[in-house]
Amino acid sequence: MTGDDAFAADLIRGHTDTIVLGVLRDGDSYGFEIYKAIREATGGRHEIKEATLYATYRRLERDGLAESYWGDETQGGRRKYYRITDAGRAVYTSNVAAWIATRHVIDVLLDVADTPQKGSHR
């Protein structure tokens, strides 16, 4: 992993709850299915470790942002499914708004840092 990859992974790790809530907005899903959805959404360039995801599921449930239930065993092995709650939808919306605002500030600051000052003769 290069330094850039580590930095990107740290940024993503800080948003794991929001990423999982985003997946659950599309419908109920079980643990490994969420893992695959995240991996596929990035074209395989990033995956969140299963241990991290399962800790996230527990945290989301504890905080009332998601709830779980056992699926029908006729569809294969018994799977624990997760669904987003209304509180989870509200937190997702708030977190996405915060991310967009933060991204805008960082984009502006990086553009300023990378752009020669007006009147500068570099």
PDB file of N, CA and C in Angstrom:
ATOM      1  N   MET A   1       0.848  -1.177   0.000  1.00  0.00           N
ATOM      2  CA  MET A   1       0.000   0.000   0.000  1.00  0.00           C
ATOM      3  C   MET A   1       0.889   1.234   0.000  1.00  0.00           C
ATOM      4  N   THR A   2       0.637   2.146  -0.917  1.00  0.00           N
ATOM      5  CA  THR A   2       1.421   3.374  -0.970  1.00  0.00           C
ATOM      6  C   THR A   2       0.888   4.361   0.052  1.00  0.00           C
ATOM      7  N   GLY A   3       1.592   5.423   0.246  1.00  0.00           N
ATOM      8  CA  GLY A   3       1.155   6.463   1.164  1.00  0.00           C
ATOM      9  C   GLY A   3      -0.203   7.021   0.771  1.00  0.00           C
ATOM     10  N   ASP A   4      -0.404   7.206  -0.551  1.00  0.00           N
ATOM     11  CA  ASP A   4      -1.693   7.713  -1.037  1.00  0.00           C
ATOM     12  C   ASP A   4      -2.821   6.746  -0.704  1.00  0.00           C
ATOM     13  N   ASP A   5      -2.574   5.443  -0.866  1.00  0.00           N
ATOM     14  CA  ASP A   5      -3.584   4.434  -0.557  1.00  0.00           C
ATOM     15  C   ASP A   5      -3.927   4.453   0.929  1.00  0.00           C
ATOM     16  N   ALA A   6      -2.910   4.604   1.769  1.00  0.00           N
ATOM     17  CA  ALA A   6      -3.141   4.631   3.215  1.00  0.00           C
ATOM     18  C   ALA A   6      -3.965   5.853   3.597  1.00  0.00           C
ATOM     19  N   PHE A   7      -3.661   7.006   2.976  1.00  0.00           N
ATOM     20  CA  PHE A   7      -4.407   8.234   3.259  1.00  0.00           C
ATOM     21  C   PHE A   7      -5.864   8.063   2.832  1.00  0.00           C
ATOM     22  N   ALA A   8      -6.088   7.530   1.644  1.00  0.00           N
ATOM     23  CA  ALA A   8      -7.454   7.316   1.160  1.00  0.00           C
ATOM     24  C   ALA A   8      -8.194   6.340   2.068  1.00  0.00           C
ATOM     25  N   ALA A   9      -7.532   5.268   2.500  1.00  0.00           N
ATOM     26  CA  ALA A   9      -8.165   4.289   3.378  1.00  0.00           C
ATOM     27  C   ALA A   9      -8.552   4.927   4.708  1.00  0.00           C
ATOM     28  N   ASP A  10      -7.694   5.813   5.233  1.00  0.00           N
ATOM     29  CA  ASP A  10      -8.014   6.509   6.479  1.00  0.00           C
ATOM     30  C   ASP A  10      -9.233   7.410   6.305  1.00  0.00           C
ATOM     31  N   LEU A  11      -9.296   8.106   5.187  1.00  0.00           N
ATOM     32  CA  LEU A  11     -10.456   8.956   4.917  1.00  0.00           C
ATOM     33  C   LEU A  11     -11.731   8.126   4.830  1.00  0.00           C
ATOM     34  N   ILE A  12     -11.660   7.036   4.113  1.00  0.00           N
ATOM     35  CA  ILE A  12     -12.830   6.164   3.947  1.00  0.00           C
ATOM     36  C   ILE A  12     -13.232   5.552   5.278  1.00  0.00           C
ATOM     37  N   ARG A  13     -12.265   5.105   6.058  1.00  0.00           N
ATOM     38  CA  ARG A  13     -12.552   4.468   7.341  1.00  0.00           C
ATOM     39  C   ARG A  13     -13.364   5.398   8.240  1.00  0.00           C
ATOM     40  N   GLY A  14     -13.104   6.677   8.171  1.00  0.00           N
ATOM     41  CA  GLY A  14     -13.831   7.646   8.970  1.00  0.00           C
ATOM     42  C   GLY A  14     -15.272   7.826   8.545  1.00  0.00           C
ATOM     43  N   HIS A  15     -15.633   7.247   7.419  1.00  0.00           N
ATOM     44  CA  HIS A  15     -16.987   7.395   6.881  1.00  0.00           C
ATOM     45  C   HIS A  15     -17.690   6.057   6.687  1.00  0.00           C
ATOM     46  N   THR A  16     -17.177   5.020   7.334  1.00  0.00           N
ATOM     47  CA  THR A  16     -17.735   3.678   7.158  1.00  0.00           C
ATOM     48  C   THR A  16     -19.212   3.614   7.519  1.00  0.00           C
ATOM     49  N   ASP A  17     -19.598   4.241   8.629  1.00  0.00           N
ATOM     50  CA  ASP A  17     -21.006   4.208   9.024  1.00  0.00           C
ATOM     51  C   ASP A  17     -21.883   4.789   7.917  1.00  0.00           C
ATOM     52  N   THR A  18     -21.484   5.927   7.386  1.00  0.00           N
ATOM     53  CA  THR A  18     -22.261   6.585   6.340  1.00  0.00           C
ATOM     54  C   THR A  18     -22.286   5.754   5.067  1.00  0.00           C
ATOM     55  N   ILE A  19     -21.172   5.130   4.731  1.00  0.00           N
ATOM     56  CA  ILE A  19     -21.114   4.273   3.541  1.00  0.00           C
ATOM     57  C   ILE A  19     -22.087   3.109   3.685  1.00  0.00           C
ATOM     58  N   VAL A  20     -22.092   2.454   4.843  1.00  0.00           N
ATOM     59  CA  VAL A  20     -23.008   1.325   5.070  1.00  0.00           C
ATOM     60  C   VAL A  20     -24.456   1.808   5.042  1.00  0.00           C
ATOM     61  N   LEU A  21     -24.737   2.934   5.675  1.00  0.00           N
ATOM     62  CA  LEU A  21     -26.103   3.473   5.630  1.00  0.00           C
ATOM     63  C   LEU A  21     -26.514   3.760   4.189  1.00  0.00           C
ATOM     64  N   GLY A  22     -25.574   4.233   3.377  1.00  0.00           N
ATOM     65  CA  GLY A  22     -25.868   4.488   1.967  1.00  0.00           C
ATOM     66  C   GLY A  22     -26.241   3.220   1.221  1.00  0.00           C
ATOM     67  N   VAL A  23     -25.534   2.131   1.507  1.00  0.00           N
ATOM     68  CA  VAL A  23     -25.866   0.842   0.888  1.00  0.00           C
ATOM     69  C   VAL A  23     -27.260   0.407   1.333  1.00  0.00           C
ATOM     70  N   LEU A  24     -27.548   0.565   2.620  1.00  0.00           N
ATOM     71  CA  LEU A  24     -28.838   0.126   3.151  1.00  0.00           C
ATOM     72  C   LEU A  24     -30.001   0.978   2.650  1.00  0.00           C
ATOM     73  N   ARG A  25     -29.732   2.181   2.193  1.00  0.00           N
ATOM     74  CA  ARG A  25     -30.798   3.009   1.605  1.00  0.00           C
ATOM     75  C   ARG A  25     -31.394   2.333   0.378  1.00  0.00           C
ATOM     76  N   ASP A  26     -30.588   1.507  -0.293  1.00  0.00           N
ATOM     77  CA  ASP A  26     -31.061   0.807  -1.491  1.00  0.00           C
ATOM     78  C   ASP A  26     -31.882  -0.423  -1.154  1.00  0.00           C
ATOM     79  N   GLY A  27     -31.916  -0.819   0.119  1.00  0.00           N
ATOM     80  CA  GLY A  27     -32.701  -1.978   0.536  1.00  0.00           C
ATOM     81  C   GLY A  27     -31.976  -2.795   1.586  1.00  0.00           C
ATOM     82  N   ASP A  28     -32.733  -3.654   2.253  1.00  0.00           N
ATOM     83  CA  ASP A  28     -32.163  -4.523   3.282  1.00  0.00           C
ATOM     84  C   ASP A  28     -31.077  -5.399   2.670  1.00  0.00           C
ATOM     85  N   SER A  29     -30.080  -5.706   3.465  1.00  0.00           N
ATOM     86  CA  SER A  29     -28.954  -6.482   2.955  1.00  0.00           C
ATOM     87  C   SER A  29     -28.271  -7.195   4.106  1.00  0.00           C
ATOM     88  N   TYR A  30     -27.602  -8.305   3.799  1.00  0.00           N
ATOM     89  CA  TYR A  30     -26.849  -9.018   4.830  1.00  0.00           C
ATOM     90  C   TYR A  30     -25.377  -8.635   4.724  1.00  0.00           C
ATOM     91  N   GLY A  31     -24.628  -8.977   5.764  1.00  0.00           N
ATOM     92  CA  GLY A  31     -23.260  -8.515   5.926  1.00  0.00           C
ATOM     93  C   GLY A  31     -22.356  -8.667   4.724  1.00  0.00           C
ATOM     94  N   PHE A  32     -22.248  -9.871   4.197  1.00  0.00           N
ATOM     95  CA  PHE A  32     -21.312 -10.088   3.093  1.00  0.00           C
ATOM     96  C   PHE A  32     -21.794  -9.394   1.822  1.00  0.00           C
ATOM     97  N   GLU A  33     -23.089  -9.281   1.661  1.00  0.00           N
ATOM     98  CA  GLU A  33     -23.648  -8.584   0.505  1.00  0.00           C
ATOM     99  C   GLU A  33     -23.278  -7.093   0.545  1.00  0.00           C
ATOM    100  N   ILE A  34     -23.283  -6.508   1.733  1.00  0.00           N
ATOM    101  CA  ILE A  34     -22.868  -5.110   1.896  1.00  0.00           C
ATOM    102  C   ILE A  34     -21.388  -4.969   1.549  1.00  0.00           C
ATOM    103  N   TYR A  35     -20.572  -5.896   2.052  1.00  0.00           N
ATOM    104  CA  TYR A  35     -19.141  -5.910   1.743  1.00  0.00           C
ATOM    105  C   TYR A  35     -18.926  -5.931   0.221  1.00  0.00           C
ATOM    106  N   LYS A  36     -19.640  -6.823  -0.465  1.00  0.00           N
ATOM    107  CA  LYS A  36     -19.488  -6.936  -1.922  1.00  0.00           C
ATOM    108  C   LYS A  36     -19.962  -5.671  -2.628  1.00  0.00           C
ATOM    109  N   ALA A  37     -21.048  -5.069  -2.168  1.00  0.00           N
ATOM    110  CA  ALA A  37     -21.569  -3.847  -2.793  1.00  0.00           C
ATOM    111  C   ALA A  37     -20.544  -2.722  -2.720  1.00  0.00           C
ATOM    112  N   ILE A  38     -19.886  -2.600  -1.583  1.00  0.00           N
ATOM    113  CA  ILE A  38     -18.865  -1.557  -1.413  1.00  0.00           C
ATOM    114  C   ILE A  38     -17.673  -1.825  -2.324  1.00  0.00           C
ATOM    115  N   ARG A  39     -17.221  -3.059  -2.347  1.00  0.00           N
ATOM    116  CA  ARG A  39     -16.083  -3.427  -3.200  1.00  0.00           C
ATOM    117  C   ARG A  39     -16.422  -3.184  -4.676  1.00  0.00           C
ATOM    118  N   GLU A  40     -17.610  -3.599  -5.093  1.00  0.00           N
ATOM    119  CA  GLU A  40     -18.005  -3.436  -6.493  1.00  0.00           C
ATOM    120  C   GLU A  40     -18.196  -1.969  -6.865  1.00  0.00           C
ATOM    121  N   ALA A  41     -18.699  -1.152  -5.924  1.00  0.00           N
ATOM    122  CA  ALA A  41     -18.912   0.269  -6.205  1.00  0.00           C
ATOM    123  C   ALA A  41     -17.600   0.988  -6.504  1.00  0.00           C
ATOM    124  N   THR A  42     -16.504   0.478  -5.963  1.00  0.00           N
ATOM    125  CA  THR A  42     -15.193   1.098  -6.199  1.00  0.00           C
ATOM    126  C   THR A  42     -14.425   0.383  -7.312  1.00  0.00           C
ATOM    127  N   GLY A  43     -15.092  -0.487  -8.017  1.00  0.00           N
ATOM    128  CA  GLY A  43     -14.423  -1.229  -9.077  1.00  0.00           C
ATOM    129  C   GLY A  43     -13.335  -2.138  -8.544  1.00  0.00           C
ATOM    130  N   GLY A  44     -13.471  -2.561  -7.288  1.00  0.00           N
ATOM    131  CA  GLY A  44     -12.485  -3.441  -6.671  1.00  0.00           C
ATOM    132  C   GLY A  44     -11.257  -2.725  -6.137  1.00  0.00           C
ATOM    133  N   ARG A  45     -11.215  -1.387  -6.270  1.00  0.00           N
ATOM    134  CA  ARG A  45     -10.043  -0.630  -5.804  1.00  0.00           C
ATOM    135  C   ARG A  45      -9.995  -0.496  -4.295  1.00  0.00           C
ATOM    136  N   HIS A  46     -11.133  -0.664  -3.642  1.00  0.00           N
ATOM    137  CA  HIS A  46     -11.155  -0.546  -2.182  1.00  0.00           C
ATOM    138  C   HIS A  46     -12.168  -1.516  -1.606  1.00  0.00           C
ATOM    139  N   GLU A  47     -11.805  -2.091  -0.490  1.00  0.00           N
ATOM    140  CA  GLU A  47     -12.759  -2.905   0.245  1.00  0.00           C
ATOM    141  C   GLU A  47     -12.550  -2.626   1.721  1.00  0.00           C
ATOM    142  N   ILE A  48     -13.642  -2.681   2.452  1.00  0.00           N
ATOM    143  CA  ILE A  48     -13.577  -2.465   3.885  1.00  0.00           C
ATOM    144  C   ILE A  48     -13.511  -3.836   4.537  1.00  0.00           C
ATOM    145  N   LYS A  49     -12.576  -4.020   5.430  1.00  0.00           N
ATOM    146  CA  LYS A  49     -12.400  -5.323   6.066  1.00  0.00           C
ATOM    147  C   LYS A  49     -13.697  -5.761   6.738  1.00  0.00           C
ATOM    148  N   GLU A  50     -13.973  -7.060   6.638  1.00  0.00           N
ATOM    149  CA  GLU A  50     -15.203  -7.588   7.217  1.00  0.00           C
ATOM    150  C   GLU A  50     -15.297  -7.316   8.708  1.00  0.00           C
ATOM    151  N   ALA A  51     -14.187  -7.416   9.429  1.00  0.00           N
ATOM    152  CA  ALA A  51     -14.211  -7.150  10.879  1.00  0.00           C
ATOM    153  C   ALA A  51     -14.649  -5.712  11.150  1.00  0.00           C
ATOM    154  N   THR A  52     -14.166  -4.789  10.331  1.00  0.00           N
ATOM    155  CA  THR A  52     -14.558  -3.382  10.467  1.00  0.00           C
ATOM    156  C   THR A  52     -16.049  -3.229  10.196  1.00  0.00           C
ATOM    157  N   LEU A  53     -16.525  -3.918   9.165  1.00  0.00           N
ATOM    158  CA  LEU A  53     -17.947  -3.829   8.834  1.00  0.00           C
ATOM    159  C   LEU A  53     -18.827  -4.388   9.937  1.00  0.00           C
ATOM    160  N   TYR A  54     -18.456  -5.522  10.496  1.00  0.00           N
ATOM    161  CA  TYR A  54     -19.290  -6.111  11.544  1.00  0.00           C
ATOM    162  C   TYR A  54     -19.302  -5.233  12.790  1.00  0.00           C
ATOM    163  N   ALA A  55     -18.204  -4.567  13.091  1.00  0.00           N
ATOM    164  CA  ALA A  55     -18.199  -3.598  14.187  1.00  0.00           C
ATOM    165  C   ALA A  55     -19.127  -2.432  13.856  1.00  0.00           C
ATOM    166  N   THR A  56     -19.137  -2.031  12.600  1.00  0.00           N
ATOM    167  CA  THR A  56     -20.025  -0.960  12.145  1.00  0.00           C
ATOM    168  C   THR A  56     -21.482  -1.369  12.294  1.00  0.00           C
ATOM    169  N   TYR A  57     -21.816  -2.599  11.894  1.00  0.00           N
ATOM    170  CA  TYR A  57     -23.204  -3.063  12.015  1.00  0.00           C
ATOM    171  C   TYR A  57     -23.662  -2.999  13.466  1.00  0.00           C
ATOM    172  N   ARG A  58     -22.806  -3.462  14.375  1.00  0.00           N
ATOM    173  CA  ARG A  58     -23.160  -3.444  15.803  1.00  0.00           C
ATOM    174  C   ARG A  58     -23.360  -2.008  16.295  1.00  0.00           C
ATOM    175  N   ARG A  59     -22.474  -1.110  15.881  1.00  0.00           N
ATOM    176  CA  ARG A  59     -22.565   0.292  16.293  1.00  0.00           C
ATOM    177  C   ARG A  59     -23.842   0.934  15.740  1.00  0.00           C
ATOM    178  N   LEU A  60     -24.156   0.669  14.473  1.00  0.00           N
ATOM    179  CA  LEU A  60     -25.361   1.246  13.869  1.00  0.00           C
ATOM    180  C   LEU A  60     -26.620   0.756  14.589  1.00  0.00           C
ATOM    181  N   GLU A  61     -26.628  -0.526  14.954  1.00  0.00           N
ATOM    182  CA  GLU A  61     -27.766  -1.063  15.704  1.00  0.00           C
ATOM    183  C   GLU A  61     -27.856  -0.430  17.085  1.00  0.00           C
ATOM    184  N   ARG A  62     -26.746  -0.380  17.786  1.00  0.00           N
ATOM    185  CA  ARG A  62     -26.712   0.197  19.133  1.00  0.00           C
ATOM    186  C   ARG A  62     -27.222   1.632  19.129  1.00  0.00           C
ATOM    187  N   ASP A  63     -26.868   2.380  18.078  1.00  0.00           N
ATOM    188  CA  ASP A  63     -27.242   3.787  17.990  1.00  0.00           C
ATOM    189  C   ASP A  63     -28.631   3.999  17.387  1.00  0.00           C
ATOM    190  N   GLY A  64     -29.294   2.907  17.023  1.00  0.00           N
ATOM    191  CA  GLY A  64     -30.648   3.005  16.471  1.00  0.00           C
ATOM    192  C   GLY A  64     -30.707   3.465  15.024  1.00  0.00           C
ATOM    193  N   LEU A  65     -29.581   3.360  14.321  1.00  0.00           N
ATOM    194  CA  LEU A  65     -29.530   3.808  12.927  1.00  0.00           C
ATOM    195  C   LEU A  65     -29.839   2.687  11.947  1.00  0.00           C
ATOM    196  N   ALA A  66     -29.721   1.455  12.425  1.00  0.00           N
ATOM    197  CA  ALA A  66     -30.061   0.270  11.625  1.00  0.00           C
ATOM    198  C   ALA A  66     -30.617  -0.766  12.591  1.00  0.00           C
ATOM    199  N   GLU A  67     -31.355  -1.709  12.029  1.00  0.00           N
ATOM    200  CA  GLU A  67     -31.854  -2.830  12.824  1.00  0.00           C
ATOM    201  C   GLU A  67     -31.625  -4.103  12.033  1.00  0.00           C
ATOM    202  N   SER A  68     -31.585  -5.211  12.744  1.00  0.00           N
ATOM    203  CA  SER A  68     -31.294  -6.477  12.079  1.00  0.00           C
ATOM    204  C   SER A  68     -32.427  -7.469  12.312  1.00  0.00           C
ATOM    205  N   TYR A  69     -32.451  -8.457  11.434  1.00  0.00           N
ATOM    206  CA  TYR A  69     -33.409  -9.558  11.563  1.00  0.00           C
ATOM    207  C   TYR A  69     -32.825 -10.757  10.830  1.00  0.00           C
ATOM    208  N   TRP A  70     -33.282 -11.935  11.191  1.00  0.00           N
ATOM    209  CA  TRP A  70     -32.800 -13.159  10.550  1.00  0.00           C
ATOM    210  C   TRP A  70     -33.631 -13.431   9.309  1.00  0.00           C
ATOM    211  N   GLY A  71     -32.932 -13.746   8.216  1.00  0.00           N
ATOM    212  CA  GLY A  71     -33.598 -14.035   6.954  1.00  0.00           C
ATOM    213  C   GLY A  71     -34.202 -15.424   6.932  1.00  0.00           C
ATOM    214  N   ASP A  72     -34.946 -15.678   5.900  1.00  0.00           N
ATOM    215  CA  ASP A  72     -35.604 -16.968   5.677  1.00  0.00           C
ATOM    216  C   ASP A  72     -34.545 -18.016   5.319  1.00  0.00           C
ATOM    217  N   GLU A  73     -34.509 -19.101   6.074  1.00  0.00           N
ATOM    218  CA  GLU A  73     -33.489 -20.135   5.864  1.00  0.00           C
ATOM    219  C   GLU A  73     -33.670 -20.883   4.540  1.00  0.00           C
ATOM    220  N   THR A  74     -34.807 -20.745   3.890  1.00  0.00           N
ATOM    221  CA  THR A  74     -35.016 -21.442   2.615  1.00  0.00           C
ATOM    222  C   THR A  74     -34.171 -20.829   1.500  1.00  0.00           C
ATOM    223  N   GLN A  75     -33.594 -19.668   1.738  1.00  0.00           N
ATOM    224  CA  GLN A  75     -32.769 -18.993   0.730  1.00  0.00           C
ATOM    225  C   GLN A  75     -31.292 -19.324   0.910  1.00  0.00           C
ATOM    226  N   GLY A  76     -30.993 -20.414   1.567  1.00  0.00           N
ATOM    227  CA  GLY A  76     -29.601 -20.784   1.827  1.00  0.00           C
ATOM    228  C   GLY A  76     -29.350 -20.750   3.315  1.00  0.00           C
ATOM    229  N   GLY A  77     -28.125 -20.443   3.695  1.00  0.00           N
ATOM    230  CA  GLY A  77     -27.776 -20.370   5.113  1.00  0.00           C
ATOM    231  C   GLY A  77     -28.538 -19.255   5.813  1.00  0.00           C
ATOM    232  N   ARG A  78     -28.665 -19.376   7.095  1.00  0.00           N
ATOM    233  CA  ARG A  78     -29.362 -18.353   7.867  1.00  0.00           C
ATOM    234  C   ARG A  78     -28.511 -17.091   7.890  1.00  0.00           C
ATOM    235  N   ARG A  79     -29.070 -15.996   7.394  1.00  0.00           N
ATOM    236  CA  ARG A  79     -28.320 -14.748   7.292  1.00  0.00           C
ATOM    237  C   ARG A  79     -28.986 -13.664   8.129  1.00  0.00           C
ATOM    238  N   LYS A  80     -28.151 -12.831   8.718  1.00  0.00           N
ATOM    239  CA  LYS A  80     -28.639 -11.684   9.468  1.00  0.00           C
ATOM    240  C   LYS A  80     -28.707 -10.502   8.504  1.00  0.00           C
ATOM    241  N   TYR A  81     -29.889  -9.977   8.325  1.00  0.00           N
ATOM    242  CA  TYR A  81     -30.100  -8.841   7.442  1.00  0.00           C
ATOM    243  C   TYR A  81     -30.161  -7.554   8.249  1.00  0.00           C
ATOM    244  N   TYR A  82     -29.784  -6.463   7.589  1.00  0.00           N
ATOM    245  CA  TYR A  82     -29.812  -5.146   8.214  1.00  0.00           C
ATOM    246  C   TYR A  82     -30.697  -4.238   7.378  1.00  0.00           C
ATOM    247  N   ARG A  83     -31.413  -3.359   8.080  1.00  0.00           N
ATOM    248  CA  ARG A  83     -32.221  -2.345   7.397  1.00  0.00           C
ATOM    249  C   ARG A  83     -31.978  -1.011   8.075  1.00  0.00           C
ATOM    250  N   ILE A  84     -32.020   0.030   7.279  1.00  0.00           N
ATOM    251  CA  ILE A  84     -31.820   1.380   7.799  1.00  0.00           C
ATOM    252  C   ILE A  84     -33.109   1.831   8.489  1.00  0.00           C
ATOM    253  N   THR A  85     -32.974   2.589   9.567  1.00  0.00           N
ATOM    254  CA  THR A  85     -34.128   3.144  10.267  1.00  0.00           C
ATOM    255  C   THR A  85     -34.325   4.591   9.806  1.00  0.00           C
ATOM    256  N   ASP A  86     -35.432   5.197  10.225  1.00  0.00           N
ATOM    257  CA  ASP A  86     -35.651   6.610   9.906  1.00  0.00           C
ATOM    258  C   ASP A  86     -34.534   7.473  10.492  1.00  0.00           C
ATOM    259  N   ALA A  87     -34.106   7.134  11.718  1.00  0.00           N
ATOM    260  CA  ALA A  87     -32.986   7.868  12.329  1.00  0.00           C
ATOM    261  C   ALA A  87     -31.719   7.693  11.491  1.00  0.00           C
ATOM    262  N   GLY A  88     -31.510   6.491  10.957  1.00  0.00           N
ATOM    263  CA  GLY A  88     -30.359   6.234  10.108  1.00  0.00           C
ATOM    264  C   GLY A  88     -30.409   7.053   8.828  1.00  0.00           C
ATOM    265  N   ARG A  89     -31.597   7.188   8.250  1.00  0.00           N
ATOM    266  CA  ARG A  89     -31.740   8.021   7.038  1.00  0.00           C
ATOM    267  C   ARG A  89     -31.395   9.479   7.339  1.00  0.00           C
ATOM    268  N   ALA A  90     -31.851   9.962   8.503  1.00  0.00           N
ATOM    269  CA  ALA A  90     -31.566  11.348   8.884  1.00  0.00           C
ATOM    270  C   ALA A  90     -30.064  11.560   9.097  1.00  0.00           C
ATOM    271  N   VAL A  91     -29.408  10.619   9.772  1.00  0.00           N
ATOM    272  CA  VAL A  91     -27.965  10.725  10.003  1.00  0.00           C
ATOM    273  C   VAL A  91     -27.223  10.645   8.674  1.00  0.00           C
ATOM    274  N   TYR A  92     -27.644   9.750   7.786  1.00  0.00           N
ATOM    275  CA  TYR A  92     -27.016   9.632   6.470  1.00  0.00           C
ATOM    276  C   TYR A  92     -27.082  10.979   5.735  1.00  0.00           C
ATOM    277  N   THR A  93     -28.266  11.567   5.694  1.00  0.00           N
ATOM    278  CA  THR A  93     -28.459  12.838   4.993  1.00  0.00           C
ATOM    279  C   THR A  93     -27.580  13.931   5.592  1.00  0.00           C
ATOM    280  N   SER A  94     -27.524  13.990   6.915  1.00  0.00           N
ATOM    281  CA  SER A  94     -26.703  14.982   7.604  1.00  0.00           C
ATOM    282  C   SER A  94     -25.214  14.755   7.323  1.00  0.00           C
ATOM    283  N   ASN A  95     -24.774  13.498   7.383  1.00  0.00           N
ATOM    284  CA  ASN A  95     -23.359  13.182   7.136  1.00  0.00           C
ATOM    285  C   ASN A  95     -22.949  13.490   5.704  1.00  0.00           C
ATOM    286  N   VAL A  96     -23.834  13.219   4.748  1.00  0.00           N
ATOM    287  CA  VAL A  96     -23.517  13.519   3.349  1.00  0.00           C
ATOM    288  C   VAL A  96     -23.408  15.030   3.154  1.00  0.00           C
ATOM    289  N   ALA A  97     -24.313  15.790   3.761  1.00  0.00           N
ATOM    290  CA  ALA A  97     -24.242  17.253   3.665  1.00  0.00           C
ATOM    291  C   ALA A  97     -22.933  17.765   4.269  1.00  0.00           C
ATOM    292  N   ALA A  98     -22.542  17.212   5.410  1.00  0.00           N
ATOM    293  CA  ALA A  98     -21.283  17.618   6.044  1.00  0.00           C
ATOM    294  C   ALA A  98     -20.094  17.265   5.154  1.00  0.00           C
ATOM    295  N   TRP A  99     -20.134  16.085   4.522  1.00  0.00           N
ATOM    296  CA  TRP A  99     -19.050  15.673   3.632  1.00  0.00           C
ATOM    297  C   TRP A  99     -18.942  16.627   2.443  1.00  0.00           C
ATOM    298  N   ILE A 100     -20.066  16.989   1.847  1.00  0.00           N
ATOM    299  CA  ILE A 100     -20.055  17.884   0.682  1.00  0.00           C
ATOM    300  C   ILE A 100     -19.473  19.245   1.068  1.00  0.00           C
ATOM    301  N   ALA A 101     -19.878  19.770   2.216  1.00  0.00           N
ATOM    302  CA  ALA A 101     -19.354  21.060   2.675  1.00  0.00           C
ATOM    303  C   ALA A 101     -17.849  20.971   2.945  1.00  0.00           C
ATOM    304  N   THR A 102     -17.421  19.904   3.591  1.00  0.00           N
ATOM    305  CA  THR A 102     -16.002  19.704   3.898  1.00  0.00           C
ATOM    306  C   THR A 102     -15.197  19.543   2.616  1.00  0.00           C
ATOM    307  N   ARG A 103     -15.712  18.738   1.704  1.00  0.00           N
ATOM    308  CA  ARG A 103     -15.014  18.524   0.430  1.00  0.00           C
ATOM    309  C   ARG A 103     -14.847  19.842  -0.315  1.00  0.00           C
ATOM    310  N   HIS A 104     -15.880  20.677  -0.273  1.00  0.00           N
ATOM    311  CA  HIS A 104     -15.798  21.980  -0.953  1.00  0.00           C
ATOM    312  C   HIS A 104     -14.681  22.833  -0.356  1.00  0.00           C
ATOM    313  N   VAL A 105     -14.618  22.899   0.968  1.00  0.00           N
ATOM    314  CA  VAL A 105     -13.577  23.697   1.630  1.00  0.00           C
ATOM    315  C   VAL A 105     -12.192  23.160   1.275  1.00  0.00           C
ATOM    316  N   ILE A 106     -12.022  21.854   1.337  1.00  0.00           N
ATOM    317  CA  ILE A 106     -10.717  21.258   1.019  1.00  0.00           C
ATOM    318  C   ILE A 106     -10.359  21.503  -0.439  1.00  0.00           C
ATOM    319  N   ASP A 107     -11.331  21.327  -1.350  1.00  0.00           N
ATOM    320  CA  ASP A 107     -11.063  21.594  -2.769  1.00  0.00           C
ATOM    321  C   ASP A 107     -10.611  23.031  -2.981  1.00  0.00           C
ATOM    322  N   VAL A 108     -11.283  23.974  -2.337  1.00  0.00           N
ATOM    323  CA  VAL A 108     -10.906  25.383  -2.476  1.00  0.00           C
ATOM    324  C   VAL A 108      -9.503  25.608  -1.933  1.00  0.00           C
ATOM    325  N   LEU A 109      -9.231  25.059  -0.750  1.00  0.00           N
ATOM    326  CA  LEU A 109      -7.908  25.260  -0.156  1.00  0.00           C
ATOM    327  C   LEU A 109      -6.807  24.609  -0.979  1.00  0.00           C
ATOM    328  N   LEU A 110      -7.054  23.454  -1.517  1.00  0.00           N
ATOM    329  CA  LEU A 110      -6.030  22.795  -2.335  1.00  0.00           C
ATOM    330  C   LEU A 110      -5.809  23.543  -3.641  1.00  0.00           C
ATOM    331  N   ASP A 111      -6.856  24.050  -4.228  1.00  0.00           N
ATOM    332  CA  ASP A 111      -6.698  24.831  -5.468  1.00  0.00           C
ATOM    333  C   ASP A 111      -5.888  26.086  -5.199  1.00  0.00           C
ATOM    334  N   VAL A 112      -6.127  26.731  -4.054  1.00  0.00           N
ATOM    335  CA  VAL A 112      -5.373  27.931  -3.697  1.00  0.00           C
ATOM    336  C   VAL A 112      -3.905  27.576  -3.506  1.00  0.00           C
ATOM    337  N   ALA A 113      -3.644  26.475  -2.847  1.00  0.00           N
ATOM    338  CA  ALA A 113      -2.271  26.074  -2.564  1.00  0.00           C
ATOM    339  C   ALA A 113      -1.521  25.684  -3.830  1.00  0.00           C
ATOM    340  N   ASP A 114      -2.240  25.150  -4.824  1.00  0.00           N
ATOM    341  CA  ASP A 114      -1.587  24.672  -6.041  1.00  0.00           C
ATOM    342  C   ASP A 114      -1.563  25.702  -7.160  1.00  0.00           C
ATOM    343  N   THR A 115      -2.239  26.818  -6.984  1.00  0.00           N
ATOM    344  CA  THR A 115      -2.342  27.835  -8.033  1.00  0.00           C
ATOM    345  C   THR A 115      -1.437  28.992  -7.696  1.00  0.00           C
ATOM    346  N   PRO A 116      -0.581  29.398  -8.644  1.00  0.00           N
ATOM    347  CA  PRO A 116       0.268  30.556  -8.374  1.00  0.00           C
ATOM    348  C   PRO A 116      -0.592  31.786  -8.066  1.00  0.00           C
ATOM    349  N   GLN A 117      -0.130  32.640  -7.171  1.00  0.00           N
ATOM    350  CA  GLN A 117      -0.849  33.850  -6.816  1.00  0.00           C
ATOM    351  C   GLN A 117      -0.896  34.753  -8.039  1.00  0.00           C
ATOM    352  N   LYS A 118      -1.990  35.509  -8.153  1.00  0.00           N
ATOM    353  CA  LYS A 118      -2.093  36.491  -9.236  1.00  0.00           C
ATOM    354  C   LYS A 118      -0.939  37.486  -9.111  1.00  0.00           C
ATOM    355  N   GLY A 119      -0.348  37.800 -10.231  1.00  0.00           N
ATOM    356  CA  GLY A 119       0.760  38.737 -10.219  1.00  0.00           C
ATOM    357  C   GLY A 119       2.087  38.104  -9.864  1.00  0.00           C
ATOM    358  N   SER A 120       2.073  36.842  -9.513  1.00  0.00           N
ATOM    359  CA  SER A 120       3.291  36.128  -9.157  1.00  0.00           C
ATOM    360  C   SER A 120       4.007  35.734 -10.447  1.00  0.00           C
ATOM    361  N   HIS A 121       5.318  35.747 -10.419  1.00  0.00           N
ATOM    362  CA  HIS A 121       6.091  35.402 -11.623  1.00  0.00           C
ATOM    363  C   HIS A 121       6.902  34.143 -11.387  1.00  0.00           C
ATOM    364  N   ARG A 122       6.237  33.075 -11.015  1.00  0.00           N
ATOM    365  CA  ARG A 122       6.938  31.812 -10.778  1.00  0.00           C
ATOM    366  C   ARG A 122       7.302  31.129 -12.047  1.00  0.00           C
TER     367      ARG A 122
END
